[in-house]
C-alpha cells in the first residue's frame, strides 16, 4: 500500500512540475511565432523598398541622360474658392499709412 501512495505522490509531483513547463513552452510559442512574422515583414519590406529605390535610380538616370523624355510638367497649385461678395477685409493703401476696411 505504501508503494502505491508513493507512486501516486510521484505522479502528482511530476504533473505539477511538468505543467508549468508546458505552459511556458506554449506561451513562448506564440511569442516566437509573432517574432517570426515580424522578421518576415521586415524582409518583405526591405525587398520592396530596395525594388522601389532601384526603380527611382533608373528613372533618375534616364532623366539625366540627354534625349530622354522630360518629366511631365508640375500641375499648378489649386486656386482657393471665390469668397462671397461682402465678406472679408479690404485693404487699401494711402500715401502715409494703410487703411483697413471691414466689409
Protein backbone atom coordinates (compact mmCIF):
# COMPACT_ATOMS: atom_id res chain seq x y z
CA UNK A 1 0.00 0.00 0.00
CA UNK A 2 2.84 2.33 0.80
CA UNK A 3 4.32 1.80 -2.68
CA UNK A 4 1.05 2.85 -4.31
CA UNK A 5 0.90 6.04 -2.24
CA UNK A 6 4.49 6.78 -3.12
CA UNK A 7 3.83 6.17 -6.83
CA UNK A 8 0.73 8.42 -6.76
CA UNK A 9 2.65 11.16 -4.96
CA UNK A 10 5.45 10.90 -7.52
CA UNK A 11 2.96 11.15 -10.41
CA UNK A 12 1.29 14.18 -8.84
CA UNK A 13 4.63 15.87 -8.26
CA UNK A 14 5.70 15.17 -11.84
CA UNK A 15 2.42 16.58 -13.13
CA UNK A 16 2.76 19.73 -11.06
CA UNK A 17 6.35 20.27 -12.16
CA UNK A 18 5.71 19.46 -15.84
CA UNK A 19 2.56 21.61 -16.17
CA UNK A 20 4.29 24.98 -15.74
CA UNK A 21 6.97 23.96 -18.24
CA UNK A 22 4.32 23.10 -20.82
CA UNK A 23 2.51 26.38 -20.17
CA UNK A 24 5.76 28.29 -20.52
CA UNK A 25 6.51 26.46 -23.75
CA UNK A 26 3.05 27.31 -25.07
CA UNK A 27 3.45 30.96 -24.03
CA UNK A 28 6.85 31.15 -25.74
CA UNK A 29 5.46 29.56 -28.90
CA UNK A 30 3.05 32.44 -29.77
CA UNK A 31 5.77 34.95 -28.94
CA UNK A 32 8.15 33.08 -31.22
CA UNK A 33 5.51 32.97 -33.97
CA UNK A 34 4.95 36.72 -33.68
CA UNK A 35 8.69 37.35 -33.84
CA UNK A 36 8.91 35.20 -36.97
CA UNK A 37 6.06 37.21 -38.53
CA UNK A 38 7.83 40.46 -37.68
CA UNK A 39 11.05 39.18 -39.23
CA UNK A 40 9.18 38.09 -42.36
CA UNK A 41 7.52 41.51 -42.68
CA UNK A 42 10.90 43.22 -42.30
CA UNK A 43 12.37 41.08 -45.08
CA UNK A 44 9.40 41.76 -47.37
CA UNK A 45 9.50 45.49 -46.60
CA UNK A 46 13.24 45.72 -47.24
CA UNK A 47 12.88 43.79 -50.51
CA UNK A 48 10.07 46.07 -51.67
CA UNK A 49 11.96 49.19 -50.59
CA UNK A 50 15.06 48.05 -52.48
CA UNK A 51 12.99 47.44 -55.60
CA UNK A 52 11.44 50.91 -55.40
CA UNK A 53 14.82 52.53 -54.82
CA UNK A 54 16.18 50.72 -57.88
CA UNK A 55 13.24 51.99 -59.95
CA UNK A 56 13.86 55.52 -58.68
CA UNK A 57 17.54 55.32 -59.56
CA UNK A 58 16.65 54.06 -63.03
CA UNK A 59 14.20 56.92 -63.57
CA UNK A 60 16.69 59.48 -62.31
CA UNK A 61 19.35 58.02 -64.58
CA UNK A 62 17.02 58.31 -67.57
CA UNK A 63 16.18 61.93 -66.74
CA UNK A 64 19.88 62.81 -66.53
CA UNK A 65 20.68 61.39 -69.98
CA UNK A 66 20.22 63.74 -72.96
CA UNK A 67 17.38 62.96 -75.30
CA UNK A 68 15.36 61.26 -72.61
CA UNK A 69 11.74 62.31 -72.38
CA UNK A 70 11.27 65.11 -69.89
CA UNK A 71 9.27 64.62 -66.76
CA UNK A 72 5.65 65.75 -67.02
CA UNK A 73 5.18 69.39 -66.02
CA UNK A 74 4.09 70.06 -62.49
CA UNK A 75 0.44 70.88 -62.05
CA UNK A 76 -0.37 74.41 -60.92
CA UNK A 77 -1.45 74.87 -57.34
CA UNK A 78 -5.21 74.69 -56.85
CA UNK A 79 -6.95 78.04 -56.62
CA UNK A 80 -8.92 78.83 -53.47
CA UNK A 81 -12.69 79.04 -53.92
CA UNK A 82 -14.08 82.52 -54.52
CA UNK A 83 -15.38 84.38 -51.49
CA UNK A 84 -18.95 85.60 -51.39
CA UNK A 85 -19.41 89.31 -52.02
CA UNK A 86 -19.31 91.49 -48.94
CA UNK A 87 -17.20 89.20 -46.77
CA UNK A 88 -13.69 89.59 -45.51
CA UNK A 89 -11.33 92.52 -45.07
CA UNK A 90 -10.49 95.00 -47.77
CA UNK A 91 -7.09 96.69 -47.53
CA UNK A 92 -6.26 99.91 -49.28
CA UNK A 93 -3.08 101.88 -49.18
CA UNK A 94 -2.74 105.59 -48.71
CA UNK A 95 0.48 107.57 -49.10
CA UNK A 96 1.16 107.70 -45.36
CA UNK A 97 -0.42 104.53 -43.98
CA UNK A 98 -2.58 101.54 -44.70
CA UNK A 99 -6.31 101.68 -44.10
CA UNK A 100 -8.26 98.53 -43.39
CA UNK A 101 -11.95 98.48 -44.07
CA UNK A 102 -14.17 95.67 -42.83
CA UNK A 103 -16.93 94.88 -45.25
